[in-house]
Amino acid sequence: HSPDSITIVATEGEETILFTGDTLFIGDVGRPDLRENAGKMKAK
């Protein structure tokens, strides 16, 4: 979605939680076309 995206893996005991930001959505993934004209860090 962006070159600097991270996913956060939180664990406690047997439980695992993923905070996926705009990388992995429910049923989809983040669009990759926002950084060509969005922000100082350009990415095609």
ModelCIF file with pLDDT and N, C-alpha, C, O atoms, coordinates in Angstrom:
data_MODEL
#
_entry.id   MODEL 
#
_entity.id                         1 
_entity.type                       polymer 
_entity.pdbx_number_of_molecules   1 
#
_entity_poly.entity_id                      1 
_entity_poly.type                           'polypeptide(L)' 
_entity_poly.nstd_linkage                   no 
_entity_poly.nstd_monomer                   no 
_entity_poly.pdbx_seq_one_letter_code       HSPDSITIVATEGEETILFTGDTLFIGDVGRPDLRENAGKMKAK 
_entity_poly.pdbx_seq_one_letter_code_can   HSPDSITIVATEGEETILFTGDTLFIGDVGRPDLRENAGKMKAK 
_entity_poly.pdbx_strand_id                 A 
#
loop_
_entity_poly_seq.entity_id 
_entity_poly_seq.num 
_entity_poly_seq.mon_id 
_entity_poly_seq.hetero 
1 1  HIS n 
1 2  SER n 
1 3  PRO n 
1 4  ASP n 
1 5  SER n 
1 6  ILE n 
1 7  THR n 
1 8  ILE n 
1 9  VAL n 
1 10 ALA n 
1 11 THR n 
1 12 GLU n 
1 13 GLY n 
1 14 GLU n 
1 15 GLU n 
1 16 THR n 
1 17 ILE n 
1 18 LEU n 
1 19 PHE n 
1 20 THR n 
1 21 GLY n 
1 22 ASP n 
1 23 THR n 
1 24 LEU n 
1 25 PHE n 
1 26 ILE n 
1 27 GLY n 
1 28 ASP n 
1 29 VAL n 
1 30 GLY n 
1 31 ARG n 
1 32 PRO n 
1 33 ASP n 
1 34 LEU n 
1 35 ARG n 
1 36 GLU n 
1 37 ASN n 
1 38 ALA n 
1 39 GLY n 
1 40 LYS n 
1 41 MET n 
1 42 LYS n 
1 43 ALA n 
1 44 LYS n 
#
_struct_asym.id          A 
_struct_asym.entity_id   1 
#
loop_
_ma_qa_metric.id 
_ma_qa_metric.mode 
_ma_qa_metric.name 
_ma_qa_metric.software_group_id 
_ma_qa_metric.type 
1 global pLDDT . pLDDT 
2 local  pLDDT . pLDDT 
#
_ma_qa_metric_global.metric_id      1 
_ma_qa_metric_global.metric_value   88.07 
_ma_qa_metric_global.model_id       1 
_ma_qa_metric_global.ordinal_id     1 
#
loop_
_ma_qa_metric_local.label_asym_id 
_ma_qa_metric_local.label_comp_id 
_ma_qa_metric_local.label_seq_id 
_ma_qa_metric_local.metric_id 
_ma_qa_metric_local.metric_value 
_ma_qa_metric_local.model_id 
_ma_qa_metric_local.ordinal_id 
A HIS 1  2 96.00 1 1  
A SER 2  2 95.00 1 2  
A PRO 3  2 95.00 1 3  
A ASP 4  2 96.00 1 4  
A SER 5  2 98.00 1 5  
A ILE 6  2 98.00 1 6  
A THR 7  2 98.00 1 7  
A ILE 8  2 98.00 1 8  
A VAL 9  2 98.00 1 9  
A ALA 10 2 98.00 1 10 
A THR 11 2 98.00 1 11 
A GLU 12 2 98.00 1 12 
A GLY 13 2 96.00 1 13 
A GLU 14 2 96.00 1 14 
A GLU 15 2 97.00 1 15 
A THR 16 2 98.00 1 16 
A ILE 17 2 98.00 1 17 
A LEU 18 2 98.00 1 18 
A PHE 19 2 98.00 1 19 
A THR 20 2 98.00 1 20 
A GLY 21 2 98.00 1 21 
A ASP 22 2 98.00 1 22 
A THR 23 2 98.00 1 23 
A LEU 24 2 98.00 1 24 
A PHE 25 2 98.00 1 25 
A ILE 26 2 98.00 1 26 
A GLY 27 2 97.00 1 27 
A ASP 28 2 97.00 1 28 
A VAL 29 2 97.00 1 29 
A GLY 30 2 96.00 1 30 
A ARG 31 2 95.00 1 31 
A PRO 32 2 93.00 1 32 
A ASP 33 2 89.00 1 33 
A LEU 34 2 85.00 1 34 
A ARG 35 2 72.00 1 35 
A GLU 36 2 64.00 1 36 
A ASN 37 2 58.00 1 37 
A ALA 38 2 53.00 1 38 
A GLY 39 2 48.00 1 39 
A LYS 40 2 51.00 1 40 
A MET 41 2 49.00 1 41 
A LYS 42 2 49.00 1 42 
A ALA 43 2 61.00 1 43 
A LYS 44 2 88.00 1 44 
#
loop_
_atom_site.group_PDB 
_atom_site.id 
_atom_site.type_symbol 
_atom_site.label_atom_id 
_atom_site.label_alt_id 
_atom_site.label_comp_id 
_atom_site.label_asym_id 
_atom_site.label_entity_id 
_atom_site.label_seq_id 
_atom_site.pdbx_PDB_ins_code 
_atom_site.Cartn_x 
_atom_site.Cartn_y 
_atom_site.Cartn_z 
_atom_site.occupancy 
_atom_site.B_iso_or_equiv 
_atom_site.pdbx_formal_charge 
_atom_site.auth_seq_id 
_atom_site.auth_comp_id 
_atom_site.auth_asym_id 
_atom_site.auth_atom_id 
_atom_site.pdbx_PDB_model_num 
ATOM 1   N N  . HIS A 1 1  ? 0.849   -1.189  0.000  1.00 96.00 ? 1  HIS A N  1 
ATOM 2   C CA . HIS A 1 1  ? 0.000   0.000   0.000  1.00 96.00 ? 1  HIS A CA 1 
ATOM 3   C C  . HIS A 1 1  ? 0.887   1.243   0.000  1.00 96.00 ? 1  HIS A C  1 
ATOM 4   O O  . HIS A 1 1  ? 0.625   2.214   -0.710 1.00 96.00 ? 1  HIS A O  1 
ATOM 5   N N  . SER A 1 2  ? 1.921   1.191   0.796  1.00 95.00 ? 2  SER A N  1 
ATOM 6   C CA . SER A 1 2  ? 2.954   2.218   0.818  1.00 95.00 ? 2  SER A CA 1 
ATOM 7   C C  . SER A 1 2  ? 4.289   1.520   1.053  1.00 95.00 ? 2  SER A C  1 
ATOM 8   O O  . SER A 1 2  ? 4.303   0.385   1.529  1.00 95.00 ? 2  SER A O  1 
ATOM 9   N N  . PRO A 1 3  ? 5.406   2.162   0.736  1.00 95.00 ? 3  PRO A N  1 
ATOM 10  C CA . PRO A 1 3  ? 6.704   1.502   0.908  1.00 95.00 ? 3  PRO A CA 1 
ATOM 11  C C  . PRO A 1 3  ? 7.079   1.315   2.369  1.00 95.00 ? 3  PRO A C  1 
ATOM 12  O O  . PRO A 1 3  ? 7.949   0.506   2.691  1.00 95.00 ? 3  PRO A O  1 
ATOM 13  N N  . ASP A 1 4  ? 6.417   2.070   3.267  1.00 96.00 ? 4  ASP A N  1 
ATOM 14  C CA . ASP A 1 4  ? 6.779   2.077   4.678  1.00 96.00 ? 4  ASP A CA 1 
ATOM 15  C C  . ASP A 1 4  ? 5.739   1.400   5.561  1.00 96.00 ? 4  ASP A C  1 
ATOM 16  O O  . ASP A 1 4  ? 5.753   1.587   6.778  1.00 96.00 ? 4  ASP A O  1 
ATOM 17  N N  . SER A 1 5  ? 4.835   0.617   4.971  1.00 98.00 ? 5  SER A N  1 
ATOM 18  C CA . SER A 1 5  ? 3.778   -0.040  5.745  1.00 98.00 ? 5  SER A CA 1 
ATOM 19  C C  . SER A 1 5  ? 4.350   -1.152  6.622  1.00 98.00 ? 5  SER A C  1 
ATOM 20  O O  . SER A 1 5  ? 5.243   -1.896  6.217  1.00 98.00 ? 5  SER A O  1 
ATOM 21  N N  . ILE A 1 6  ? 3.806   -1.241  7.836  1.00 98.00 ? 6  ILE A N  1 
ATOM 22  C CA . ILE A 1 6  ? 4.132   -2.357  8.710  1.00 98.00 ? 6  ILE A CA 1 
ATOM 23  C C  . ILE A 1 6  ? 2.838   -3.021  9.175  1.00 98.00 ? 6  ILE A C  1 
ATOM 24  O O  . ILE A 1 6  ? 1.783   -2.390  9.235  1.00 98.00 ? 6  ILE A O  1 
ATOM 25  N N  . THR A 1 7  ? 2.945   -4.306  9.500  1.00 98.00 ? 7  THR A N  1 
ATOM 26  C CA . THR A 1 7  ? 1.885   -5.032  10.184 1.00 98.00 ? 7  THR A CA 1 
ATOM 27  C C  . THR A 1 7  ? 2.384   -5.325  11.595 1.00 98.00 ? 7  THR A C  1 
ATOM 28  O O  . THR A 1 7  ? 3.544   -5.691  11.789 1.00 98.00 ? 7  THR A O  1 
ATOM 29  N N  . ILE A 1 8  ? 1.509   -5.164  12.570 1.00 98.00 ? 8  ILE A N  1 
ATOM 30  C CA . ILE A 1 8  ? 1.867   -5.358  13.971 1.00 98.00 ? 8  ILE A CA 1 
ATOM 31  C C  . ILE A 1 8  ? 1.330   -6.709  14.438 1.00 98.00 ? 8  ILE A C  1 
ATOM 32  O O  . ILE A 1 8  ? 0.148   -7.009  14.273 1.00 98.00 ? 8  ILE A O  1 
ATOM 33  N N  . VAL A 1 9  ? 2.205   -7.514  15.018 1.00 98.00 ? 9  VAL A N  1 
ATOM 34  C CA . VAL A 1 9  ? 1.822   -8.817  15.560 1.00 98.00 ? 9  VAL A CA 1 
ATOM 35  C C  . VAL A 1 9  ? 1.871   -8.713  17.082 1.00 98.00 ? 9  VAL A C  1 
ATOM 36  O O  . VAL A 1 9  ? 2.944   -8.575  17.670 1.00 98.00 ? 9  VAL A O  1 
ATOM 37  N N  . ALA A 1 10 ? 0.697   -8.779  17.714 1.00 98.00 ? 10 ALA A N  1 
ATOM 38  C CA . ALA A 1 10 ? 0.619   -8.708  19.169 1.00 98.00 ? 10 ALA A CA 1 
ATOM 39  C C  . ALA A 1 10 ? 0.278   -10.089 19.712 1.00 98.00 ? 10 ALA A C  1 
ATOM 40  O O  . ALA A 1 10 ? -0.674  -10.726 19.261 1.00 98.00 ? 10 ALA A O  1 
ATOM 41  N N  . THR A 1 11 ? 1.059   -10.542 20.679 1.00 98.00 ? 11 THR A N  1 
ATOM 42  C CA . THR A 1 11 ? 0.826   -11.865 21.257 1.00 98.00 ? 11 THR A CA 1 
ATOM 43  C C  . THR A 1 11 ? 0.823   -11.782 22.782 1.00 98.00 ? 11 THR A C  1 
ATOM 44  O O  . THR A 1 11 ? 1.548   -10.995 23.391 1.00 98.00 ? 11 THR A O  1 
ATOM 45  N N  . GLU A 1 12 ? -0.015  -12.618 23.366 1.00 98.00 ? 12 GLU A N  1 
ATOM 46  C CA . GLU A 1 12 ? -0.022  -12.803 24.819 1.00 98.00 ? 12 GLU A CA 1 
ATOM 47  C C  . GLU A 1 12 ? -0.560  -14.203 25.077 1.00 98.00 ? 12 GLU A C  1 
ATOM 48  O O  . GLU A 1 12 ? -1.711  -14.497 24.754 1.00 98.00 ? 12 GLU A O  1 
ATOM 49  N N  . GLY A 1 13 ? 0.250   -15.051 25.645 1.00 96.00 ? 13 GLY A N  1 
ATOM 50  C CA . GLY A 1 13 ? -0.154  -16.444 25.793 1.00 96.00 ? 13 GLY A CA 1 
ATOM 51  C C  . GLY A 1 13 ? -0.300  -17.090 24.431 1.00 96.00 ? 13 GLY A C  1 
ATOM 52  O O  . GLY A 1 13 ? 0.603   -17.030 23.596 1.00 96.00 ? 13 GLY A O  1 
ATOM 53  N N  . GLU A 1 14 ? -1.460  -17.715 24.218 1.00 96.00 ? 14 GLU A N  1 
ATOM 54  C CA . GLU A 1 14 ? -1.723  -18.397 22.948 1.00 96.00 ? 14 GLU A CA 1 
ATOM 55  C C  . GLU A 1 14 ? -2.413  -17.493 21.924 1.00 96.00 ? 14 GLU A C  1 
ATOM 56  O O  . GLU A 1 14 ? -2.670  -17.912 20.795 1.00 96.00 ? 14 GLU A O  1 
ATOM 57  N N  . GLU A 1 15 ? -2.709  -16.268 22.316 1.00 97.00 ? 15 GLU A N  1 
ATOM 58  C CA . GLU A 1 15 ? -3.489  -15.351 21.465 1.00 97.00 ? 15 GLU A CA 1 
ATOM 59  C C  . GLU A 1 15 ? -2.573  -14.549 20.551 1.00 97.00 ? 15 GLU A C  1 
ATOM 60  O O  . GLU A 1 15 ? -1.554  -14.018 20.993 1.00 97.00 ? 15 GLU A O  1 
ATOM 61  N N  . THR A 1 16 ? -2.945  -14.463 19.254 1.00 98.00 ? 16 THR A N  1 
ATOM 62  C CA . THR A 1 16 ? -2.206  -13.659 18.278 1.00 98.00 ? 16 THR A CA 1 
ATOM 63  C C  . THR A 1 16 ? -3.155  -12.694 17.594 1.00 98.00 ? 16 THR A C  1 
ATOM 64  O O  . THR A 1 16 ? -4.196  -13.088 17.068 1.00 98.00 ? 16 THR A O  1 
ATOM 65  N N  . ILE A 1 17 ? -2.781  -11.423 17.612 1.00 98.00 ? 17 ILE A N  1 
ATOM 66  C CA . ILE A 1 17 ? -3.583  -10.367 16.987 1.00 98.00 ? 17 ILE A CA 1 
ATOM 67  C C  . ILE A 1 17 ? -2.733  -9.680  15.929 1.00 98.00 ? 17 ILE A C  1 
ATOM 68  O O  . ILE A 1 17 ? -1.572  -9.355  16.180 1.00 98.00 ? 17 ILE A O  1 
ATOM 69  N N  . LEU A 1 18 ? -3.304  -9.456  14.744 1.00 98.00 ? 18 LEU A N  1 
ATOM 70  C CA . LEU A 1 18 ? -2.619  -8.742  13.668 1.00 98.00 ? 18 LEU A CA 1 
ATOM 71  C C  . LEU A 1 18 ? -3.308  -7.415  13.411 1.00 98.00 ? 18 LEU A C  1 
ATOM 72  O O  . LEU A 1 18 ? -4.488  -7.374  13.061 1.00 98.00 ? 18 LEU A O  1 
ATOM 73  N N  . PHE A 1 19 ? -2.567  -6.333  13.585 1.00 98.00 ? 19 PHE A N  1 
ATOM 74  C CA . PHE A 1 19 ? -3.054  -5.007  13.187 1.00 98.00 ? 19 PHE A CA 1 
ATOM 75  C C  . PHE A 1 19 ? -2.395  -4.720  11.845 1.00 98.00 ? 19 PHE A C  1 
ATOM 76  O O  . PHE A 1 19 ? -1.213  -4.386  11.775 1.00 98.00 ? 19 PHE A O  1 
ATOM 77  N N  . THR A 1 20 ? -3.176  -4.856  10.790 1.00 98.00 ? 20 THR A N  1 
ATOM 78  C CA . THR A 1 20 ? -2.612  -4.907  9.437  1.00 98.00 ? 20 THR A CA 1 
ATOM 79  C C  . THR A 1 20 ? -2.616  -3.565  8.708  1.00 98.00 ? 20 THR A C  1 
ATOM 80  O O  . THR A 1 20 ? -2.191  -3.492  7.555  1.00 98.00 ? 20 THR A O  1 
ATOM 81  N N  . GLY A 1 21 ? -3.089  -2.504  9.360  1.00 98.00 ? 21 GLY A N  1 
ATOM 82  C CA . GLY A 1 21 ? -3.092  -1.203  8.714  1.00 98.00 ? 21 GLY A CA 1 
ATOM 83  C C  . GLY A 1 21 ? -3.851  -1.227  7.408  1.00 98.00 ? 21 GLY A C  1 
ATOM 84  O O  . GLY A 1 21 ? -4.983  -1.707  7.351  1.00 98.00 ? 21 GLY A O  1 
ATOM 85  N N  . ASP A 1 22 ? -3.229  -0.707  6.345  1.00 98.00 ? 22 ASP A N  1 
ATOM 86  C CA . ASP A 1 22 ? -3.839  -0.715  5.020  1.00 98.00 ? 22 ASP A CA 1 
ATOM 87  C C  . ASP A 1 22 ? -3.179  -1.753  4.115  1.00 98.00 ? 22 ASP A C  1 
ATOM 88  O O  . ASP A 1 22 ? -3.275  -1.664  2.891  1.00 98.00 ? 22 ASP A O  1 
ATOM 89  N N  . THR A 1 23 ? -2.509  -2.737  4.716  1.00 98.00 ? 23 THR A N  1 
ATOM 90  C CA . THR A 1 23 ? -1.921  -3.820  3.923  1.00 98.00 ? 23 THR A CA 1 
ATOM 91  C C  . THR A 1 23 ? -2.953  -4.892  3.630  1.00 98.00 ? 23 THR A C  1 
ATOM 92  O O  . THR A 1 23 ? -3.275  -5.153  2.471  1.00 98.00 ? 23 THR A O  1 
ATOM 93  N N  . LEU A 1 24 ? -3.467  -5.509  4.673  1.00 98.00 ? 24 LEU A N  1 
ATOM 94  C CA . LEU A 1 24 ? -4.443  -6.585  4.514  1.00 98.00 ? 24 LEU A CA 1 
ATOM 95  C C  . LEU A 1 24 ? -5.783  -6.131  5.074  1.00 98.00 ? 24 LEU A C  1 
ATOM 96  O O  . LEU A 1 24 ? -5.910  -5.861  6.268  1.00 98.00 ? 24 LEU A O  1 
ATOM 97  N N  . PHE A 1 25 ? -6.777  -6.051  4.201  1.00 98.00 ? 25 PHE A N  1 
ATOM 98  C CA . PHE A 1 25 ? -8.142  -5.740  4.590  1.00 98.00 ? 25 PHE A CA 1 
ATOM 99  C C  . PHE A 1 25 ? -8.933  -7.041  4.689  1.00 98.00 ? 25 PHE A C  1 
ATOM 100 O O  . PHE A 1 25 ? -8.411  -8.116  4.392  1.00 98.00 ? 25 PHE A O  1 
ATOM 101 N N  . ILE A 1 26 ? -10.170 -6.939  5.100  1.00 98.00 ? 26 ILE A N  1 
ATOM 102 C CA . ILE A 1 26 ? -11.041 -8.098  5.106  1.00 98.00 ? 26 ILE A CA 1 
ATOM 103 C C  . ILE A 1 26 ? -11.599 -8.250  3.690  1.00 98.00 ? 26 ILE A C  1 
ATOM 104 O O  . ILE A 1 26 ? -12.455 -7.476  3.261  1.00 98.00 ? 26 ILE A O  1 
ATOM 105 N N  . GLY A 1 27 ? -11.106 -9.250  2.978  1.00 97.00 ? 27 GLY A N  1 
ATOM 106 C CA . GLY A 1 27 ? -11.524 -9.493  1.603  1.00 97.00 ? 27 GLY A CA 1 
ATOM 107 C C  . GLY A 1 27 ? -10.721 -8.790  0.537  1.00 97.00 ? 27 GLY A C  1 
ATOM 108 O O  . GLY A 1 27 ? -11.014 -8.944  -0.648 1.00 97.00 ? 27 GLY A O  1 
ATOM 109 N N  . ASP A 1 28 ? -9.715  -8.021  0.919  1.00 97.00 ? 28 ASP A N  1 
ATOM 110 C CA . ASP A 1 28 ? -8.985  -7.227  -0.070 1.00 97.00 ? 28 ASP A CA 1 
ATOM 111 C C  . ASP A 1 28 ? -7.607  -6.881  0.489  1.00 97.00 ? 28 ASP A C  1 
ATOM 112 O O  . ASP A 1 28 ? -7.269  -7.252  1.613  1.00 97.00 ? 28 ASP A O  1 
ATOM 113 N N  . VAL A 1 29 ? -6.818  -6.167  -0.311 1.00 97.00 ? 29 VAL A N  1 
ATOM 114 C CA . VAL A 1 29 ? -5.551  -5.599  0.156  1.00 97.00 ? 29 VAL A CA 1 
ATOM 115 C C  . VAL A 1 29 ? -5.537  -4.121  -0.223 1.00 97.00 ? 29 VAL A C  1 
ATOM 116 O O  . VAL A 1 29 ? -6.338  -3.677  -1.046 1.00 97.00 ? 29 VAL A O  1 
ATOM 117 N N  . GLY A 1 30 ? -4.632  -3.368  0.376  1.00 96.00 ? 30 GLY A N  1 
ATOM 118 C CA . GLY A 1 30 ? -4.579  -1.930  0.137  1.00 96.00 ? 30 GLY A CA 1 
ATOM 119 C C  . GLY A 1 30 ? -4.153  -1.589  -1.276 1.00 96.00 ? 30 GLY A C  1 
ATOM 120 O O  . GLY A 1 30 ? -3.325  -2.277  -1.872 1.00 96.00 ? 30 GLY A O  1 
ATOM 121 N N  . ARG A 1 31 ? -4.721  -0.535  -1.799 1.00 95.00 ? 31 ARG A N  1 
ATOM 122 C CA . ARG A 1 31 ? -4.379  -0.104  -3.155 1.00 95.00 ? 31 ARG A CA 1 
ATOM 123 C C  . ARG A 1 31 ? -2.949  0.440   -3.181 1.00 95.00 ? 31 ARG A C  1 
ATOM 124 O O  . ARG A 1 31 ? -2.504  1.043   -2.205 1.00 95.00 ? 31 ARG A O  1 
ATOM 125 N N  . PRO A 1 32 ? -2.223  0.233   -4.287 1.00 93.00 ? 32 PRO A N  1 
ATOM 126 C CA . PRO A 1 32 ? -0.819  0.617   -4.357 1.00 93.00 ? 32 PRO A CA 1 
ATOM 127 C C  . PRO A 1 32 ? -0.553  1.902   -5.141 1.00 93.00 ? 32 PRO A C  1 
ATOM 128 O O  . PRO A 1 32 ? 0.596   2.204   -5.463 1.00 93.00 ? 32 PRO A O  1 
ATOM 129 N N  . ASP A 1 33 ? -1.603  2.653   -5.447 1.00 89.00 ? 33 ASP A N  1 
ATOM 130 C CA . ASP A 1 33 ? -1.437  3.778   -6.373 1.00 89.00 ? 33 ASP A CA 1 
ATOM 131 C C  . ASP A 1 33 ? -1.546  5.138   -5.701 1.00 89.00 ? 33 ASP A C  1 
ATOM 132 O O  . ASP A 1 33 ? -1.701  6.144   -6.393 1.00 89.00 ? 33 ASP A O  1 
ATOM 133 N N  . LEU A 1 34 ? -1.471  5.201   -4.368 1.00 85.00 ? 34 LEU A N  1 
ATOM 134 C CA . LEU A 1 34 ? -1.645  6.488   -3.695 1.00 85.00 ? 34 LEU A CA 1 
ATOM 135 C C  . LEU A 1 34 ? -0.348  7.279   -3.582 1.00 85.00 ? 34 LEU A C  1 
ATOM 136 O O  . LEU A 1 34 ? -0.388  8.488   -3.352 1.00 85.00 ? 34 LEU A O  1 
ATOM 137 N N  . ARG A 1 35 ? 0.795   6.629   -3.736 1.00 72.00 ? 35 ARG A N  1 
ATOM 138 C CA . ARG A 1 35 ? 2.050   7.324   -3.483 1.00 72.00 ? 35 ARG A CA 1 
ATOM 139 C C  . ARG A 1 35 ? 2.694   7.941   -4.718 1.00 72.00 ? 35 ARG A C  1 
ATOM 140 O O  . ARG A 1 35 ? 3.732   8.593   -4.608 1.00 72.00 ? 35 ARG A O  1 
ATOM 141 N N  . GLU A 1 36 ? 2.101   7.749   -5.881 1.00 64.00 ? 36 GLU A N  1 
ATOM 142 C CA . GLU A 1 36 ? 2.667   8.390   -7.074 1.00 64.00 ? 36 GLU A CA 1 
ATOM 143 C C  . GLU A 1 36 ? 2.491   9.900   -6.998 1.00 64.00 ? 36 GLU A C  1 
ATOM 144 O O  . GLU A 1 36 ? 3.370   10.656  -7.410 1.00 64.00 ? 36 GLU A O  1 
ATOM 145 N N  . ASN A 1 37 ? 1.356   10.332  -6.471 1.00 58.00 ? 37 ASN A N  1 
ATOM 146 C CA . ASN A 1 37 ? 1.076   11.758  -6.396 1.00 58.00 ? 37 ASN A CA 1 
ATOM 147 C C  . ASN A 1 37 ? 0.716   12.184  -4.971 1.00 58.00 ? 37 ASN A C  1 
ATOM 148 O O  . ASN A 1 37 ? 0.143   13.254  -4.760 1.00 58.00 ? 37 ASN A O  1 
ATOM 149 N N  . ALA A 1 38 ? 1.059   11.333  -3.993 1.00 53.00 ? 38 ALA A N  1 
ATOM 150 C CA . ALA A 1 38 ? 0.669   11.611  -2.618 1.00 53.00 ? 38 ALA A CA 1 
ATOM 151 C C  . ALA A 1 38 ? 1.891   11.633  -1.721 1.00 53.00 ? 38 ALA A C  1 
ATOM 152 O O  . ALA A 1 38 ? 2.499   10.600  -1.441 1.00 53.00 ? 38 ALA A O  1 
ATOM 153 N N  . GLY A 1 39 ? 2.239   12.840  -1.275 1.00 48.00 ? 39 GLY A N  1 
ATOM 154 C CA . GLY A 1 39 ? 3.330   12.954  -0.322 1.00 48.00 ? 39 GLY A CA 1 
ATOM 155 C C  . GLY A 1 39 ? 4.680   13.135  -0.991 1.00 48.00 ? 39 GLY A C  1 
ATOM 156 O O  . GLY A 1 39 ? 4.815   12.986  -2.206 1.00 48.00 ? 39 GLY A O  1 
ATOM 157 N N  . LYS A 1 40 ? 5.672   13.457  -0.180 1.00 51.00 ? 40 LYS A N  1 
ATOM 158 C CA . LYS A 1 40 ? 7.011   13.734  -0.691 1.00 51.00 ? 40 LYS A CA 1 
ATOM 159 C C  . LYS A 1 40 ? 7.746   12.465  -1.103 1.00 51.00 ? 40 LYS A C  1 
ATOM 160 O O  . LYS A 1 40 ? 8.628   12.500  -1.961 1.00 51.00 ? 40 LYS A O  1 
ATOM 161 N N  . MET A 1 41 ? 7.373   11.333  -0.481 1.00 49.00 ? 41 MET A N  1 
ATOM 162 C CA . MET A 1 41 ? 8.017   10.066  -0.835 1.00 49.00 ? 41 MET A CA 1 
ATOM 163 C C  . MET A 1 41 ? 7.248   9.428   -1.974 1.00 49.00 ? 41 MET A C  1 
ATOM 164 O O  . MET A 1 41 ? 6.180   8.858   -1.755 1.00 49.00 ? 41 MET A O  1 
ATOM 165 N N  . LYS A 1 42 ? 7.762   9.513   -3.167 1.00 49.00 ? 42 LYS A N  1 
ATOM 166 C CA . LYS A 1 42 ? 7.071   8.973   -4.332 1.00 49.00 ? 42 LYS A CA 1 
ATOM 167 C C  . LYS A 1 42 ? 7.386   7.489   -4.511 1.00 49.00 ? 42 LYS A C  1 
ATOM 168 O O  . LYS A 1 42 ? 8.496   7.039   -4.227 1.00 49.00 ? 42 LYS A O  1 
ATOM 169 N N  . ALA A 1 43 ? 6.421   6.761   -4.974 1.00 61.00 ? 43 ALA A N  1 
ATOM 170 C CA . ALA A 1 43 ? 6.623   5.349   -5.303 1.00 61.00 ? 43 ALA A CA 1 
ATOM 171 C C  . ALA A 1 43 ? 5.639   4.987   -6.400 1.00 61.00 ? 43 ALA A C  1 
ATOM 172 O O  . ALA A 1 43 ? 4.457   5.323   -6.315 1.00 61.00 ? 43 ALA A O  1 
ATOM 173 N N  . LYS A 1 44 ? 6.118   4.307   -7.427 1.00 88.00 ? 44 LYS A N  1 
ATOM 174 C CA . LYS A 1 44 ? 5.268   3.979   -8.562 1.00 88.00 ? 44 LYS A CA 1 
ATOM 175 C C  . LYS A 1 44 ? 4.330   2.830   -8.219 1.00 88.00 ? 44 LYS A C  1 
ATOM 176 O O  . LYS A 1 44 ? 3.533   2.412   -9.059 1.00 88.00 ? 44 LYS A O  1 
#
